Amino acid sequence: MSRDDAWALLTDYTKGESLLKHAIAVEAAVRGYARRFGEDEEAWGVTALLHDFDYERWPTLGDHPDKGSEILREKGYPEWMIRAIRSHAMEITGVTRDSLLEKTLFACDELAGFITAAALVRPSKSVMDLEAKSVVRRMKDKAFARAVKREDLHAGAASLGLALE
């Protein structure tokens, strides 16, 4: 369950640049929280890297993330990791977010996409000069990144005992 193995699996199933970048962004955020919470950064990072590896091939509700879960099981990935990945799509899988990893993955998945969208409208198109206040301001703009459910952003942060403002 090394990062190299996870990367190979991810790139075997995912060819689109934006989904690969999303996986890396979520991985980076989850690793940061693993460090903050004193958890296993490598294991949490691998989980985050693989959370959407099946999405490009099976984007239909009901297939993602269940098809990926079957593949991970066949490859010997631990059940706690599969459960965390399934819980990020709780509305589809029914797997509740109980562990700290499960809550963190959901929170970071939702927020990473939003932060990326906020960065892409900047002249630099980079997160390197993106300030938190700019992201918060964008969150209040309902027309911006409409597909991102603001309530999910807040719920993800709240489940970790954090506020977004």
N, C-alpha and C. Protein backbone atom coordinates (compact mmCIF):
# COMPACT_ATOMS: atom_id res chain seq x y z
N MET A 1 0.83 -1.19 0.00
CA MET A 1 0.00 0.00 0.00
C MET A 1 0.87 1.26 0.00
N SER A 2 1.90 1.24 -0.80
CA SER A 2 2.79 2.40 -0.90
C SER A 2 2.17 3.47 -1.80
N ARG A 3 2.69 4.67 -1.69
CA ARG A 3 2.20 5.74 -2.56
C ARG A 3 2.51 5.41 -4.02
N ASP A 4 3.66 4.82 -4.27
CA ASP A 4 4.01 4.46 -5.65
C ASP A 4 3.00 3.47 -6.24
N ASP A 5 2.60 2.48 -5.43
CA ASP A 5 1.59 1.52 -5.88
C ASP A 5 0.25 2.22 -6.12
N ALA A 6 -0.11 3.11 -5.21
CA ALA A 6 -1.37 3.85 -5.34
C ALA A 6 -1.34 4.73 -6.59
N TRP A 7 -0.22 5.39 -6.83
CA TRP A 7 -0.10 6.24 -8.01
C TRP A 7 -0.23 5.42 -9.29
N ALA A 8 0.39 4.25 -9.31
CA ALA A 8 0.30 3.37 -10.48
C ALA A 8 -1.15 2.96 -10.72
N LEU A 9 -1.86 2.62 -9.66
CA LEU A 9 -3.26 2.24 -9.78
C LEU A 9 -4.10 3.42 -10.26
N LEU A 10 -3.88 4.58 -9.66
CA LEU A 10 -4.61 5.78 -10.05
C LEU A 10 -4.41 6.09 -11.53
N THR A 11 -3.17 6.09 -11.98
CA THR A 11 -2.90 6.46 -13.38
C THR A 11 -3.28 5.36 -14.36
N ASP A 12 -3.47 4.17 -13.87
CA ASP A 12 -3.97 3.09 -14.72
C ASP A 12 -5.45 3.31 -15.05
N TYR A 13 -6.19 3.85 -14.10
CA TYR A 13 -7.63 4.05 -14.26
C TYR A 13 -8.01 5.48 -14.62
N THR A 14 -7.13 6.43 -14.37
CA THR A 14 -7.45 7.85 -14.56
C THR A 14 -6.47 8.47 -15.53
N LYS A 15 -6.98 9.02 -16.62
CA LYS A 15 -6.14 9.64 -17.64
C LYS A 15 -6.30 11.16 -17.68
N GLY A 16 -7.43 11.65 -17.22
CA GLY A 16 -7.71 13.09 -17.28
C GLY A 16 -6.86 13.89 -16.31
N GLU A 17 -6.27 14.95 -16.82
CA GLU A 17 -5.38 15.78 -16.01
C GLU A 17 -6.09 16.41 -14.81
N SER A 18 -7.31 16.88 -15.01
CA SER A 18 -8.00 17.55 -13.91
C SER A 18 -8.31 16.59 -12.76
N LEU A 19 -8.69 15.36 -13.07
CA LEU A 19 -8.97 14.39 -12.01
C LEU A 19 -7.68 13.96 -11.30
N LEU A 20 -6.60 13.86 -12.04
CA LEU A 20 -5.30 13.55 -11.41
C LEU A 20 -4.88 14.68 -10.48
N LYS A 21 -5.05 15.91 -10.94
CA LYS A 21 -4.71 17.07 -10.09
C LYS A 21 -5.59 17.10 -8.85
N HIS A 22 -6.86 16.76 -9.02
CA HIS A 22 -7.78 16.72 -7.88
C HIS A 22 -7.30 15.69 -6.85
N ALA A 23 -6.92 14.52 -7.33
CA ALA A 23 -6.43 13.47 -6.43
C ALA A 23 -5.21 13.94 -5.65
N ILE A 24 -4.30 14.61 -6.33
CA ILE A 24 -3.09 15.11 -5.67
C ILE A 24 -3.43 16.21 -4.66
N ALA A 25 -4.37 17.08 -5.00
CA ALA A 25 -4.77 18.15 -4.09
C ALA A 25 -5.41 17.58 -2.83
N VAL A 26 -6.30 16.61 -3.01
CA VAL A 26 -6.95 16.00 -1.85
C VAL A 26 -5.91 15.26 -1.01
N GLU A 27 -5.00 14.57 -1.68
CA GLU A 27 -3.93 13.87 -0.96
C GLU A 27 -3.12 14.85 -0.10
N ALA A 28 -2.73 15.98 -0.68
CA ALA A 28 -1.92 16.96 0.05
C ALA A 28 -2.67 17.49 1.27
N ALA A 29 -3.95 17.79 1.10
CA ALA A 29 -4.74 18.30 2.21
C ALA A 29 -4.90 17.25 3.30
N VAL A 30 -5.22 16.03 2.92
CA VAL A 30 -5.42 14.95 3.89
C VAL A 30 -4.11 14.66 4.63
N ARG A 31 -3.00 14.67 3.92
CA ARG A 31 -1.70 14.47 4.57
C ARG A 31 -1.45 15.57 5.62
N GLY A 32 -1.80 16.79 5.28
CA GLY A 32 -1.64 17.89 6.23
C GLY A 32 -2.44 17.67 7.50
N TYR A 33 -3.67 17.21 7.34
CA TYR A 33 -4.49 16.92 8.52
C TYR A 33 -3.99 15.70 9.28
N ALA A 34 -3.47 14.72 8.58
CA ALA A 34 -2.89 13.55 9.27
C ALA A 34 -1.75 14.03 10.17
N ARG A 35 -0.92 14.90 9.66
CA ARG A 35 0.18 15.47 10.45
C ARG A 35 -0.38 16.22 11.65
N ARG A 36 -1.37 17.06 11.40
CA ARG A 36 -1.98 17.87 12.47
C ARG A 36 -2.59 16.99 13.56
N PHE A 37 -3.21 15.89 13.16
CA PHE A 37 -3.89 15.01 14.12
C PHE A 37 -2.99 13.91 14.67
N GLY A 38 -1.74 13.86 14.21
CA GLY A 38 -0.82 12.82 14.69
C GLY A 38 -1.14 11.44 14.15
N GLU A 39 -1.67 11.38 12.94
CA GLU A 39 -2.05 10.11 12.31
C GLU A 39 -1.00 9.70 11.27
N ASP A 40 -1.20 8.54 10.68
CA ASP A 40 -0.27 7.98 9.69
C ASP A 40 -0.42 8.72 8.36
N GLU A 41 0.51 9.61 8.11
CA GLU A 41 0.44 10.48 6.93
C GLU A 41 0.46 9.68 5.63
N GLU A 42 1.27 8.65 5.58
CA GLU A 42 1.38 7.83 4.35
C GLU A 42 0.06 7.11 4.07
N ALA A 43 -0.49 6.45 5.08
CA ALA A 43 -1.73 5.70 4.90
C ALA A 43 -2.89 6.62 4.55
N TRP A 44 -2.98 7.74 5.24
CA TRP A 44 -4.05 8.69 4.94
C TRP A 44 -3.87 9.26 3.53
N GLY A 45 -2.62 9.55 3.15
CA GLY A 45 -2.35 10.10 1.83
C GLY A 45 -2.72 9.14 0.72
N VAL A 46 -2.39 7.86 0.90
CA VAL A 46 -2.74 6.84 -0.10
C VAL A 46 -4.26 6.75 -0.23
N THR A 47 -4.95 6.78 0.89
CA THR A 47 -6.42 6.73 0.86
C THR A 47 -6.97 7.89 0.04
N ALA A 48 -6.47 9.08 0.31
CA ALA A 48 -6.94 10.27 -0.41
C ALA A 48 -6.60 10.20 -1.89
N LEU A 49 -5.41 9.74 -2.20
CA LEU A 49 -4.99 9.65 -3.60
C LEU A 49 -5.92 8.73 -4.40
N LEU A 50 -6.41 7.69 -3.75
CA LEU A 50 -7.24 6.69 -4.44
C LEU A 50 -8.74 6.93 -4.34
N HIS A 51 -9.17 7.97 -3.65
CA HIS A 51 -10.60 8.10 -3.35
C HIS A 51 -11.49 8.20 -4.59
N ASP A 52 -10.97 8.69 -5.71
CA ASP A 52 -11.76 8.81 -6.94
C ASP A 52 -11.14 8.05 -8.11
N PHE A 53 -10.24 7.10 -7.83
CA PHE A 53 -9.50 6.46 -8.93
C PHE A 53 -10.42 5.78 -9.93
N ASP A 54 -11.60 5.36 -9.51
CA ASP A 54 -12.53 4.65 -10.40
C ASP A 54 -13.52 5.58 -11.10
N TYR A 55 -13.51 6.85 -10.75
CA TYR A 55 -14.56 7.77 -11.22
C TYR A 55 -14.58 7.95 -12.73
N GLU A 56 -13.43 8.06 -13.34
CA GLU A 56 -13.39 8.29 -14.79
C GLU A 56 -13.98 7.10 -15.55
N ARG A 57 -13.72 5.92 -15.08
CA ARG A 57 -14.21 4.72 -15.75
C ARG A 57 -15.68 4.44 -15.39
N TRP A 58 -16.06 4.72 -14.14
CA TRP A 58 -17.43 4.45 -13.67
C TRP A 58 -17.99 5.69 -12.98
N PRO A 59 -18.38 6.71 -13.73
CA PRO A 59 -18.86 7.95 -13.12
C PRO A 59 -20.32 7.90 -12.65
N THR A 60 -21.01 6.82 -12.93
CA THR A 60 -22.42 6.73 -12.60
C THR A 60 -22.63 6.49 -11.11
N LEU A 61 -23.61 7.20 -10.56
CA LEU A 61 -23.96 6.97 -9.16
C LEU A 61 -24.32 5.50 -8.99
N GLY A 62 -23.78 4.90 -7.97
CA GLY A 62 -24.00 3.48 -7.75
C GLY A 62 -22.82 2.65 -8.19
N ASP A 63 -22.10 3.11 -9.21
CA ASP A 63 -20.88 2.42 -9.63
C ASP A 63 -19.67 2.98 -8.88
N HIS A 64 -19.57 4.31 -8.84
CA HIS A 64 -18.50 4.97 -8.08
C HIS A 64 -19.03 5.26 -6.70
N PRO A 65 -18.35 4.88 -5.65
CA PRO A 65 -17.04 4.25 -5.57
C PRO A 65 -17.07 2.73 -5.38
N ASP A 66 -18.21 2.10 -5.63
CA ASP A 66 -18.31 0.66 -5.36
C ASP A 66 -17.43 -0.19 -6.26
N LYS A 67 -17.34 0.16 -7.54
CA LYS A 67 -16.46 -0.61 -8.45
C LYS A 67 -15.01 -0.51 -7.97
N GLY A 68 -14.61 0.69 -7.60
CA GLY A 68 -13.25 0.89 -7.09
C GLY A 68 -13.00 0.12 -5.81
N SER A 69 -14.01 0.07 -4.95
CA SER A 69 -13.87 -0.68 -3.70
C SER A 69 -13.60 -2.15 -3.96
N GLU A 70 -14.29 -2.71 -4.95
CA GLU A 70 -14.07 -4.12 -5.32
C GLU A 70 -12.63 -4.33 -5.79
N ILE A 71 -12.15 -3.40 -6.60
CA ILE A 71 -10.77 -3.51 -7.11
C ILE A 71 -9.77 -3.42 -5.97
N LEU A 72 -9.98 -2.46 -5.08
CA LEU A 72 -9.07 -2.31 -3.94
C LEU A 72 -9.06 -3.56 -3.06
N ARG A 73 -10.23 -4.13 -2.86
CA ARG A 73 -10.34 -5.37 -2.06
C ARG A 73 -9.55 -6.50 -2.73
N GLU A 74 -9.73 -6.64 -4.03
CA GLU A 74 -9.01 -7.68 -4.79
C GLU A 74 -7.50 -7.49 -4.71
N LYS A 75 -7.06 -6.24 -4.62
CA LYS A 75 -5.63 -5.94 -4.58
C LYS A 75 -5.08 -5.97 -3.15
N GLY A 76 -5.94 -6.27 -2.19
CA GLY A 76 -5.47 -6.44 -0.81
C GLY A 76 -5.37 -5.17 0.02
N TYR A 77 -6.02 -4.10 -0.42
CA TYR A 77 -6.02 -2.88 0.39
C TYR A 77 -6.86 -3.13 1.64
N PRO A 78 -6.49 -2.50 2.76
CA PRO A 78 -7.20 -2.75 4.02
C PRO A 78 -8.64 -2.24 4.01
N GLU A 79 -9.46 -2.93 4.75
CA GLU A 79 -10.89 -2.60 4.79
C GLU A 79 -11.14 -1.19 5.33
N TRP A 80 -10.34 -0.72 6.29
CA TRP A 80 -10.55 0.63 6.83
C TRP A 80 -10.36 1.69 5.74
N MET A 81 -9.44 1.42 4.81
CA MET A 81 -9.18 2.35 3.72
C MET A 81 -10.36 2.33 2.73
N ILE A 82 -10.83 1.16 2.42
CA ILE A 82 -11.97 1.01 1.51
C ILE A 82 -13.20 1.67 2.11
N ARG A 83 -13.40 1.47 3.40
CA ARG A 83 -14.54 2.09 4.08
C ARG A 83 -14.45 3.62 4.00
N ALA A 84 -13.26 4.17 4.22
CA ALA A 84 -13.10 5.63 4.15
C ALA A 84 -13.44 6.14 2.75
N ILE A 85 -12.98 5.43 1.74
CA ILE A 85 -13.26 5.82 0.35
C ILE A 85 -14.76 5.72 0.07
N ARG A 86 -15.38 4.67 0.55
CA ARG A 86 -16.83 4.52 0.33
C ARG A 86 -17.61 5.60 1.09
N SER A 87 -17.11 6.00 2.26
CA SER A 87 -17.83 6.99 3.06
C SER A 87 -17.82 8.38 2.44
N HIS A 88 -16.87 8.66 1.56
CA HIS A 88 -16.86 9.99 0.95
C HIS A 88 -18.05 10.16 0.01
N ALA A 89 -18.69 9.05 -0.34
CA ALA A 89 -19.91 9.08 -1.15
C ALA A 89 -21.06 8.47 -0.33
N MET A 90 -21.18 8.91 0.90
CA MET A 90 -22.13 8.35 1.85
C MET A 90 -23.56 8.31 1.31
N GLU A 91 -23.94 9.32 0.56
CA GLU A 91 -25.31 9.39 0.04
C GLU A 91 -25.60 8.24 -0.92
N ILE A 92 -24.56 7.69 -1.53
CA ILE A 92 -24.70 6.59 -2.48
C ILE A 92 -24.49 5.24 -1.80
N THR A 93 -23.45 5.16 -0.98
CA THR A 93 -23.04 3.88 -0.39
C THR A 93 -23.74 3.57 0.93
N GLY A 94 -24.19 4.60 1.63
CA GLY A 94 -24.78 4.41 2.95
C GLY A 94 -23.73 4.23 4.05
N VAL A 95 -22.45 4.32 3.69
CA VAL A 95 -21.38 4.17 4.68
C VAL A 95 -21.19 5.51 5.38
N THR A 96 -21.47 5.54 6.68
CA THR A 96 -21.38 6.79 7.44
C THR A 96 -19.92 7.17 7.70
N ARG A 97 -19.73 8.43 7.93
CA ARG A 97 -18.38 8.95 8.21
C ARG A 97 -18.17 8.98 9.72
N ASP A 98 -17.56 7.92 10.23
CA ASP A 98 -17.39 7.80 11.67
C ASP A 98 -15.96 8.09 12.13
N SER A 99 -14.97 7.62 11.40
CA SER A 99 -13.58 7.80 11.83
C SER A 99 -13.07 9.18 11.44
N LEU A 100 -11.99 9.57 12.08
CA LEU A 100 -11.38 10.85 11.77
C LEU A 100 -10.91 10.90 10.31
N LEU A 101 -10.37 9.81 9.81
CA LEU A 101 -9.97 9.74 8.40
C LEU A 101 -11.17 9.95 7.49
N GLU A 102 -12.26 9.28 7.77
CA GLU A 102 -13.46 9.39 6.93
C GLU A 102 -13.97 10.83 6.88
N LYS A 103 -13.99 11.48 8.02
CA LYS A 103 -14.44 12.87 8.09
C LYS A 103 -13.47 13.79 7.36
N THR A 104 -12.19 13.53 7.54
CA THR A 104 -11.16 14.36 6.90
C THR A 104 -11.20 14.21 5.38
N LEU A 105 -11.33 13.00 4.90
CA LEU A 105 -11.39 12.77 3.45
C LEU A 105 -12.57 13.52 2.84
N PHE A 106 -13.72 13.43 3.45
CA PHE A 106 -14.90 14.13 2.94
C PHE A 106 -14.66 15.64 2.93
N ALA A 107 -14.17 16.17 4.04
CA ALA A 107 -13.97 17.62 4.15
C ALA A 107 -12.96 18.11 3.11
N CYS A 108 -11.87 17.39 2.96
CA CYS A 108 -10.82 17.81 2.03
C CYS A 108 -11.23 17.62 0.58
N ASP A 109 -11.99 16.59 0.28
CA ASP A 109 -12.47 16.35 -1.08
C ASP A 109 -13.33 17.51 -1.54
N GLU A 110 -14.28 17.88 -0.71
CA GLU A 110 -15.18 18.97 -1.06
C GLU A 110 -14.43 20.29 -1.21
N LEU A 111 -13.57 20.57 -0.24
CA LEU A 111 -12.89 21.86 -0.23
C LEU A 111 -11.81 21.97 -1.31
N ALA A 112 -11.12 20.89 -1.60
CA ALA A 112 -10.06 20.93 -2.62
C ALA A 112 -10.61 21.35 -3.98
N GLY A 113 -11.76 20.83 -4.33
CA GLY A 113 -12.37 21.22 -5.60
C GLY A 113 -12.73 22.69 -5.63
N PHE A 114 -13.24 23.18 -4.52
CA PHE A 114 -13.63 24.58 -4.45
C PHE A 114 -12.41 25.49 -4.51
N ILE A 115 -11.37 25.14 -3.77
CA ILE A 115 -10.14 25.94 -3.77
C ILE A 115 -9.52 25.97 -5.17
N THR A 116 -9.54 24.84 -5.84
CA THR A 116 -9.01 24.79 -7.21
C THR A 116 -9.79 25.74 -8.11
N ALA A 117 -11.11 25.72 -8.00
CA ALA A 117 -11.94 26.63 -8.81
C ALA A 117 -11.60 28.08 -8.49
N ALA A 118 -11.41 28.40 -7.22
CA ALA A 118 -11.07 29.77 -6.82
C ALA A 118 -9.71 30.18 -7.38
N ALA A 119 -8.78 29.26 -7.43
CA ALA A 119 -7.45 29.56 -7.97
C ALA A 119 -7.50 29.78 -9.48
N LEU A 120 -8.31 29.01 -10.16
CA LEU A 120 -8.34 29.07 -11.63
C LEU A 120 -8.89 30.37 -12.19
N VAL A 121 -9.63 31.12 -11.39
CA VAL A 121 -10.15 32.41 -11.88
C VAL A 121 -9.18 33.55 -11.60
N ARG A 122 -8.08 33.26 -10.93
CA ARG A 122 -7.06 34.27 -10.65
C ARG A 122 -6.12 34.40 -11.86
N PRO A 123 -5.50 35.55 -12.03
CA PRO A 123 -4.57 35.71 -13.15
C PRO A 123 -3.45 34.66 -13.16
N SER A 124 -2.96 34.30 -11.98
CA SER A 124 -1.86 33.33 -11.90
C SER A 124 -2.34 31.89 -12.10
N LYS A 125 -3.64 31.66 -11.89
CA LYS A 125 -4.23 30.32 -11.96
C LYS A 125 -3.53 29.34 -11.01
N SER A 126 -3.06 29.87 -9.90
CA SER A 126 -2.28 29.08 -8.94
C SER A 126 -2.82 29.26 -7.53
N VAL A 127 -2.68 28.22 -6.73
CA VAL A 127 -3.04 28.33 -5.31
C VAL A 127 -1.94 29.02 -4.52
N MET A 128 -0.78 29.18 -5.12
CA MET A 128 0.37 29.72 -4.39
C MET A 128 0.13 31.15 -3.89
N ASP A 129 -0.64 31.93 -4.60
CA ASP A 129 -0.92 33.30 -4.16
C ASP A 129 -2.39 33.49 -3.76
N LEU A 130 -3.08 32.40 -3.57
CA LEU A 130 -4.49 32.44 -3.18
C LEU A 130 -4.59 32.60 -1.67
N GLU A 131 -5.34 33.58 -1.23
CA GLU A 131 -5.50 33.82 0.21
C GLU A 131 -6.82 33.22 0.68
N ALA A 132 -6.83 32.82 1.95
CA ALA A 132 -8.02 32.21 2.54
C ALA A 132 -9.23 33.13 2.43
N LYS A 133 -9.01 34.43 2.64
CA LYS A 133 -10.14 35.37 2.58
C LYS A 133 -10.78 35.40 1.19
N SER A 134 -9.98 35.17 0.16
CA SER A 134 -10.50 35.13 -1.20
C SER A 134 -11.40 33.90 -1.38
N VAL A 135 -11.00 32.78 -0.82
CA VAL A 135 -11.80 31.56 -0.90
C VAL A 135 -13.11 31.75 -0.14
N VAL A 136 -13.03 32.33 1.05
CA VAL A 136 -14.24 32.57 1.86
C VAL A 136 -15.19 33.50 1.12
N ARG A 137 -14.65 34.53 0.49
CA ARG A 137 -15.48 35.47 -0.28
C ARG A 137 -16.19 34.74 -1.42
N ARG A 138 -15.47 33.85 -2.10
CA ARG A 138 -16.06 33.08 -3.19
C ARG A 138 -17.15 32.14 -2.68
N MET A 139 -16.98 31.64 -1.47
CA MET A 139 -18.00 30.74 -0.91
C MET A 139 -19.34 31.43 -0.76
N LYS A 140 -19.30 32.71 -0.50
CA LYS A 140 -20.53 33.48 -0.30
C LYS A 140 -21.22 33.81 -1.62
N ASP A 141 -20.49 33.69 -2.70
CA ASP A 141 -21.03 33.96 -4.03
C ASP A 141 -21.67 32.68 -4.58
N LYS A 142 -22.99 32.60 -4.50
CA LYS A 142 -23.71 31.38 -4.90
C LYS A 142 -23.55 31.06 -6.38
N ALA A 143 -23.25 32.06 -7.19
CA ALA A 143 -23.08 31.83 -8.63
C ALA A 143 -21.72 31.19 -8.95
N PHE A 144 -20.78 31.31 -8.02
CA PHE A 144 -19.44 30.77 -8.25
C PHE A 144 -19.41 29.29 -7.90
N ALA A 145 -18.88 28.48 -8.80
CA ALA A 145 -18.74 27.03 -8.58
C ALA A 145 -20.05 26.45 -8.03
N ARG A 146 -21.11 26.67 -8.77
CA ARG A 146 -22.46 26.26 -8.37
C ARG A 146 -22.59 24.80 -7.98
N ALA A 147 -21.82 23.94 -8.61
CA ALA A 147 -21.94 22.50 -8.35
C ALA A 147 -21.46 22.12 -6.95
N VAL A 148 -20.66 22.98 -6.34
CA VAL A 148 -20.15 22.69 -5.00
C VAL A 148 -21.21 23.09 -3.98
N LYS A 149 -21.64 22.13 -3.20
CA LYS A 149 -22.66 22.38 -2.17
C LYS A 149 -22.00 23.05 -0.97
N ARG A 150 -22.38 24.30 -0.73
CA ARG A 150 -21.80 25.05 0.39
C ARG A 150 -22.05 24.35 1.72
N GLU A 151 -23.21 23.73 1.84
CA GLU A 151 -23.51 23.04 3.11
C GLU A 151 -22.55 21.88 3.34
N ASP A 152 -22.08 21.24 2.27
CA ASP A 152 -21.09 20.16 2.41
C ASP A 152 -19.74 20.71 2.87
N LEU A 153 -19.37 21.88 2.35
CA LEU A 153 -18.11 22.50 2.79
C LEU A 153 -18.16 22.77 4.29
N HIS A 154 -19.25 23.37 4.74
CA HIS A 154 -19.39 23.69 6.16
C HIS A 154 -19.52 22.43 7.01
N ALA A 155 -20.27 21.45 6.53
CA ALA A 155 -20.44 20.20 7.29
C ALA A 155 -19.12 19.46 7.42
N GLY A 156 -18.33 19.44 6.36
CA GLY A 156 -17.03 18.78 6.42
C GLY A 156 -16.13 19.43 7.45
N ALA A 157 -16.06 20.74 7.43
CA ALA A 157 -15.23 21.46 8.41
C ALA A 157 -15.76 21.25 9.83
N ALA A 158 -17.07 21.36 9.99
CA ALA A 158 -17.67 21.20 11.33
C ALA A 158 -17.42 19.81 11.90
N SER A 159 -17.42 18.79 11.04
CA SER A 159 -17.19 17.42 11.53
C SER A 159 -15.78 17.26 12.11
N LEU A 160 -14.88 18.16 11.73
CA LEU A 160 -13.51 18.16 12.25
C LEU A 160 -13.33 19.19 13.37
N GLY A 161 -14.43 19.85 13.73
CA GLY A 161 -14.35 20.87 14.78
C GLY A 161 -13.71 22.16 14.29
N LEU A 162 -13.82 22.42 12.99
CA LEU A 162 -13.21 23.60 12.39
C LEU A 162 -14.28 24.49 11.78
N ALA A 163 -13.95 25.76 11.62
CA ALA A 163 -14.84 26.70 10.94
C ALA A 163 -14.14 27.16 9.66
N LEU A 164 -14.92 27.50 8.67
CA LEU A 164 -14.34 27.93 7.40
C LEU A 164 -14.05 29.43 7.36
N GLU A 165 -14.59 30.19 8.27
CA GLU A 165 -14.33 31.64 8.26
C GLU A 165 -13.30 32.00 9.28
